N, C-alpha and C. Protein backbone atom coordinates (compact mmCIF):
# COMPACT_ATOMS: atom_id res chain seq x y z
N MET A 1 68.46 15.99 76.58
CA MET A 1 68.32 14.59 76.83
C MET A 1 68.23 13.76 75.56
N PHE A 2 67.30 14.16 74.68
CA PHE A 2 67.12 13.38 73.47
C PHE A 2 68.00 13.87 72.33
N ALA A 3 68.45 15.10 72.39
CA ALA A 3 69.30 15.64 71.35
C ALA A 3 70.76 15.56 71.78
N THR A 4 71.60 15.22 70.84
CA THR A 4 73.02 15.17 71.16
C THR A 4 73.55 16.59 71.24
N PRO A 5 74.68 16.80 71.89
CA PRO A 5 75.24 18.17 71.98
C PRO A 5 75.59 18.74 70.61
N ALA A 6 75.92 17.91 69.64
CA ALA A 6 76.26 18.42 68.32
C ALA A 6 75.05 19.05 67.65
N PHE A 7 73.87 18.44 67.74
CA PHE A 7 72.66 19.01 67.17
C PHE A 7 72.26 20.27 67.93
N ALA A 8 72.42 20.27 69.20
CA ALA A 8 72.05 21.43 70.01
C ALA A 8 72.94 22.62 69.68
N GLN A 9 74.19 22.41 69.34
CA GLN A 9 75.09 23.52 69.03
C GLN A 9 74.78 24.10 67.66
N THR A 10 74.46 23.28 66.65
CA THR A 10 74.21 23.81 65.31
C THR A 10 72.82 24.39 65.15
N ALA A 11 71.90 24.05 66.03
CA ALA A 11 70.54 24.55 65.89
C ALA A 11 70.46 26.05 66.11
N GLY A 12 71.26 26.60 66.95
CA GLY A 12 71.18 28.02 67.25
C GLY A 12 72.10 28.87 66.40
N SER A 13 72.75 28.32 65.40
CA SER A 13 73.70 29.06 64.59
C SER A 13 72.96 29.99 63.63
N PRO A 14 73.01 31.31 63.81
CA PRO A 14 72.27 32.22 62.95
C PRO A 14 72.94 32.42 61.59
N ALA A 15 74.20 32.12 61.44
CA ALA A 15 74.90 32.38 60.18
C ALA A 15 74.47 31.43 59.08
N ALA A 16 74.18 30.17 59.39
CA ALA A 16 73.84 29.19 58.37
C ALA A 16 72.34 29.07 58.15
N GLY A 17 71.51 29.85 58.81
CA GLY A 17 70.06 29.72 58.73
C GLY A 17 69.49 29.98 57.35
N GLY A 18 69.93 31.00 56.66
CA GLY A 18 69.39 31.33 55.34
C GLY A 18 69.71 30.28 54.30
N PHE A 19 70.91 29.76 54.31
CA PHE A 19 71.30 28.75 53.34
C PHE A 19 70.57 27.44 53.58
N GLU A 20 70.33 27.10 54.85
CA GLU A 20 69.65 25.84 55.16
C GLU A 20 68.20 25.87 54.67
N VAL A 21 67.56 26.99 54.82
CA VAL A 21 66.19 27.11 54.33
C VAL A 21 66.17 26.96 52.81
N PHE A 22 67.10 27.63 52.13
CA PHE A 22 67.21 27.52 50.67
C PHE A 22 67.50 26.08 50.27
N GLN A 23 68.38 25.43 51.00
CA GLN A 23 68.78 24.06 50.69
C GLN A 23 67.62 23.07 50.86
N THR A 24 66.70 23.32 51.75
CA THR A 24 65.57 22.42 51.93
C THR A 24 64.52 22.59 50.83
N PHE A 25 64.41 23.77 50.24
CA PHE A 25 63.41 23.99 49.20
C PHE A 25 63.91 23.65 47.80
N VAL A 26 65.20 23.53 47.59
CA VAL A 26 65.73 23.21 46.26
C VAL A 26 65.24 21.85 45.77
N PRO A 27 65.30 20.77 46.56
CA PRO A 27 64.77 19.49 46.05
C PRO A 27 63.27 19.54 45.73
N LEU A 28 62.51 20.26 46.55
CA LEU A 28 61.08 20.40 46.28
C LEU A 28 60.85 21.14 44.97
N LEU A 29 61.62 22.18 44.73
CA LEU A 29 61.51 22.93 43.49
C LEU A 29 61.90 22.07 42.29
N LEU A 30 62.95 21.28 42.41
CA LEU A 30 63.37 20.41 41.32
C LEU A 30 62.33 19.33 41.01
N VAL A 31 61.68 18.80 42.02
CA VAL A 31 60.63 17.80 41.81
C VAL A 31 59.45 18.45 41.08
N PHE A 32 59.09 19.66 41.46
CA PHE A 32 57.99 20.35 40.79
C PHE A 32 58.33 20.63 39.33
N ILE A 33 59.54 21.04 39.05
CA ILE A 33 59.95 21.31 37.66
C ILE A 33 59.92 20.03 36.84
N ALA A 34 60.43 18.94 37.39
CA ALA A 34 60.39 17.66 36.68
C ALA A 34 58.95 17.21 36.45
N PHE A 35 58.10 17.36 37.45
CA PHE A 35 56.69 16.99 37.33
C PHE A 35 56.02 17.80 36.23
N TYR A 36 56.34 19.09 36.14
CA TYR A 36 55.75 19.95 35.12
C TYR A 36 56.14 19.48 33.71
N PHE A 37 57.42 19.22 33.50
CA PHE A 37 57.88 18.86 32.16
C PHE A 37 57.52 17.43 31.78
N LEU A 38 57.37 16.54 32.73
CA LEU A 38 57.08 15.15 32.41
C LEU A 38 55.59 14.83 32.41
N MET A 39 54.79 15.60 33.14
CA MET A 39 53.38 15.26 33.26
C MET A 39 52.44 16.36 32.75
N ILE A 40 52.64 17.57 33.19
CA ILE A 40 51.66 18.62 32.91
C ILE A 40 51.75 19.11 31.46
N ARG A 41 52.94 19.42 30.98
CA ARG A 41 53.09 19.93 29.62
C ARG A 41 52.61 18.97 28.54
N PRO A 42 52.98 17.67 28.61
CA PRO A 42 52.47 16.75 27.59
C PRO A 42 50.94 16.63 27.61
N GLN A 43 50.35 16.66 28.80
CA GLN A 43 48.90 16.57 28.90
C GLN A 43 48.24 17.80 28.30
N GLN A 44 48.82 18.98 28.51
CA GLN A 44 48.27 20.19 27.91
C GLN A 44 48.34 20.11 26.38
N GLY A 45 49.41 19.55 25.86
CA GLY A 45 49.53 19.39 24.41
C GLY A 45 48.48 18.45 23.85
N ARG A 46 48.23 17.34 24.55
CA ARG A 46 47.21 16.40 24.09
C ARG A 46 45.81 17.03 24.15
N MET A 47 45.55 17.81 25.19
CA MET A 47 44.24 18.46 25.30
C MET A 47 44.05 19.50 24.20
N LYS A 48 45.10 20.23 23.87
CA LYS A 48 45.01 21.22 22.81
C LYS A 48 44.77 20.54 21.46
N GLN A 49 45.44 19.42 21.23
CA GLN A 49 45.26 18.67 20.00
C GLN A 49 43.83 18.13 19.89
N LEU A 50 43.28 17.62 20.99
CA LEU A 50 41.90 17.12 21.00
C LEU A 50 40.91 18.25 20.75
N GLN A 51 41.13 19.41 21.37
CA GLN A 51 40.24 20.55 21.16
C GLN A 51 40.25 21.01 19.71
N ASN A 52 41.42 21.00 19.09
CA ASN A 52 41.51 21.37 17.68
C ASN A 52 40.78 20.34 16.80
N ALA A 53 40.91 19.07 17.12
CA ALA A 53 40.23 18.02 16.36
C ALA A 53 38.71 18.14 16.53
N ILE A 54 38.25 18.45 17.73
CA ILE A 54 36.81 18.60 17.96
C ILE A 54 36.29 19.83 17.23
N ALA A 55 37.07 20.90 17.19
CA ALA A 55 36.64 22.10 16.48
C ALA A 55 36.55 21.86 14.97
N ALA A 56 37.34 20.92 14.47
CA ALA A 56 37.36 20.64 13.03
C ALA A 56 36.49 19.44 12.66
N LEU A 57 35.58 19.02 13.52
CA LEU A 57 34.72 17.87 13.22
C LEU A 57 33.88 18.13 11.98
N LYS A 58 33.68 17.07 11.21
CA LYS A 58 32.81 17.18 10.04
C LYS A 58 32.03 15.87 9.89
N LYS A 59 31.05 15.89 9.07
CA LYS A 59 30.21 14.73 8.84
C LYS A 59 31.07 13.58 8.31
N GLY A 60 30.89 12.40 8.89
CA GLY A 60 31.62 11.22 8.45
C GLY A 60 32.78 10.85 9.36
N ASP A 61 33.22 11.74 10.24
CA ASP A 61 34.31 11.42 11.17
C ASP A 61 33.84 10.40 12.20
N GLU A 62 34.74 9.54 12.63
CA GLU A 62 34.43 8.60 13.70
C GLU A 62 34.99 9.15 15.00
N VAL A 63 34.16 9.12 16.05
CA VAL A 63 34.54 9.66 17.34
C VAL A 63 34.23 8.66 18.44
N THR A 64 34.91 8.85 19.57
CA THR A 64 34.65 8.07 20.77
C THR A 64 34.29 9.05 21.88
N THR A 65 33.22 8.75 22.60
CA THR A 65 32.81 9.62 23.69
C THR A 65 33.50 9.17 24.97
N ALA A 66 33.42 10.02 25.99
CA ALA A 66 34.00 9.69 27.28
C ALA A 66 33.29 8.50 27.91
N GLY A 67 32.04 8.27 27.53
CA GLY A 67 31.29 7.13 28.05
C GLY A 67 31.58 5.84 27.32
N GLY A 68 32.35 5.90 26.24
CA GLY A 68 32.73 4.70 25.53
C GLY A 68 31.96 4.43 24.25
N LEU A 69 31.04 5.30 23.88
CA LEU A 69 30.31 5.12 22.63
C LEU A 69 31.20 5.46 21.45
N ILE A 70 31.14 4.64 20.44
CA ILE A 70 31.89 4.89 19.21
C ILE A 70 30.87 5.05 18.10
N GLY A 71 30.98 6.13 17.36
CA GLY A 71 30.01 6.37 16.30
C GLY A 71 30.54 7.27 15.22
N LYS A 72 29.74 7.38 14.17
CA LYS A 72 30.09 8.22 13.03
C LYS A 72 29.27 9.49 13.12
N VAL A 73 29.91 10.62 12.90
CA VAL A 73 29.25 11.92 12.98
C VAL A 73 28.30 12.08 11.79
N THR A 74 27.03 12.42 12.10
CA THR A 74 26.06 12.66 11.04
C THR A 74 25.65 14.13 10.98
N LYS A 75 25.81 14.86 12.09
CA LYS A 75 25.42 16.26 12.11
C LYS A 75 26.26 16.97 13.16
N VAL A 76 26.73 18.18 12.84
CA VAL A 76 27.55 18.96 13.77
C VAL A 76 26.90 20.31 14.00
N ASP A 77 26.67 20.65 15.28
CA ASP A 77 26.18 21.97 15.67
C ASP A 77 27.27 22.64 16.49
N ASP A 78 26.94 23.79 17.08
CA ASP A 78 27.94 24.51 17.88
C ASP A 78 28.39 23.71 19.10
N LYS A 79 27.44 23.17 19.85
CA LYS A 79 27.79 22.46 21.08
C LYS A 79 27.39 21.00 21.08
N VAL A 80 26.60 20.57 20.08
CA VAL A 80 26.07 19.21 20.05
C VAL A 80 26.47 18.53 18.75
N VAL A 81 26.76 17.23 18.86
CA VAL A 81 27.10 16.41 17.70
C VAL A 81 26.12 15.25 17.67
N GLU A 82 25.63 14.92 16.49
CA GLU A 82 24.76 13.75 16.35
C GLU A 82 25.60 12.60 15.81
N LEU A 83 25.55 11.48 16.53
CA LEU A 83 26.33 10.30 16.15
C LEU A 83 25.42 9.16 15.75
N GLU A 84 25.85 8.41 14.76
CA GLU A 84 25.16 7.18 14.40
C GLU A 84 25.98 6.04 14.99
N ILE A 85 25.44 5.39 16.03
CA ILE A 85 26.18 4.35 16.74
C ILE A 85 25.85 2.96 16.22
N ALA A 86 24.77 2.83 15.47
CA ALA A 86 24.39 1.59 14.80
C ALA A 86 23.53 1.98 13.60
N GLN A 87 23.22 1.01 12.76
CA GLN A 87 22.42 1.29 11.58
C GLN A 87 21.06 1.87 12.00
N GLY A 88 20.83 3.14 11.72
CA GLY A 88 19.57 3.79 12.04
C GLY A 88 19.43 4.27 13.47
N VAL A 89 20.45 4.10 14.31
CA VAL A 89 20.40 4.54 15.70
C VAL A 89 21.28 5.78 15.84
N ARG A 90 20.62 6.90 16.14
CA ARG A 90 21.36 8.16 16.26
C ARG A 90 21.16 8.74 17.65
N VAL A 91 22.25 9.27 18.20
CA VAL A 91 22.20 9.90 19.52
C VAL A 91 22.86 11.27 19.42
N LYS A 92 22.40 12.18 20.28
CA LYS A 92 23.01 13.51 20.35
C LYS A 92 23.97 13.52 21.53
N VAL A 93 25.16 14.05 21.29
CA VAL A 93 26.21 14.08 22.30
C VAL A 93 26.77 15.49 22.37
N ILE A 94 27.06 15.94 23.58
CA ILE A 94 27.68 17.25 23.76
C ILE A 94 29.15 17.15 23.33
N LYS A 95 29.61 18.13 22.60
CA LYS A 95 30.98 18.09 22.06
C LYS A 95 32.05 17.93 23.13
N SER A 96 31.84 18.52 24.30
CA SER A 96 32.87 18.46 25.34
C SER A 96 33.04 17.06 25.92
N THR A 97 32.11 16.14 25.63
CA THR A 97 32.25 14.77 26.13
C THR A 97 32.98 13.86 25.16
N LEU A 98 33.41 14.38 24.03
CA LEU A 98 34.16 13.56 23.07
C LEU A 98 35.58 13.34 23.60
N ALA A 99 36.02 12.10 23.54
CA ALA A 99 37.33 11.74 24.08
C ALA A 99 38.38 11.51 22.99
N ALA A 100 37.94 11.15 21.79
CA ALA A 100 38.90 10.88 20.71
C ALA A 100 38.21 11.08 19.37
N VAL A 101 38.99 11.52 18.40
CA VAL A 101 38.50 11.68 17.03
C VAL A 101 39.42 10.86 16.14
N ALA A 102 38.82 9.91 15.40
CA ALA A 102 39.61 9.07 14.50
C ALA A 102 39.86 9.81 13.19
N VAL A 103 40.93 9.46 12.55
CA VAL A 103 41.26 10.08 11.27
C VAL A 103 40.24 9.61 10.23
N SER A 104 39.73 10.54 9.44
CA SER A 104 38.72 10.21 8.45
C SER A 104 39.30 9.26 7.38
N GLY A 105 38.53 8.24 7.05
CA GLY A 105 38.93 7.32 6.01
C GLY A 105 39.94 6.28 6.43
N ALA A 106 40.33 6.26 7.68
CA ALA A 106 41.30 5.27 8.15
C ALA A 106 40.60 3.94 8.39
N LYS A 107 41.27 2.85 8.02
CA LYS A 107 40.72 1.52 8.24
C LYS A 107 41.32 0.92 9.51
N PRO A 108 40.57 0.09 10.21
CA PRO A 108 41.14 -0.58 11.37
C PRO A 108 42.30 -1.49 10.95
N ALA A 109 43.19 -1.74 11.86
CA ALA A 109 44.39 -2.51 11.56
C ALA A 109 44.10 -3.97 11.24
N ASN A 110 43.00 -4.52 11.76
CA ASN A 110 42.74 -5.94 11.53
C ASN A 110 41.89 -6.21 10.31
N ASP A 111 41.54 -5.21 9.52
CA ASP A 111 40.77 -5.46 8.29
C ASP A 111 41.67 -5.62 7.10
């Protein structure tokens, strides 16, 4: 009733069944491959670069935390970093919460 005779005739064809299944998964596979190369791989590279920068932290580096605090590193331990966020104001931050590490000795663009 709702299906035309043409659809009803091709639905039961056993010869084309394997290729049709393959043909339906090819676009899905191509989308996943594109998603991997455009989104996942670049993000993994940025995370690896940040982890290397955090591992190489030293006194005097400027960092930004995930919470938005910007400060200068005054002390580095295995898992904790001490930041000076204002003159005489120091806070301890867990290394894994650091979001960015500025290049040492770099001046802001507007100075």
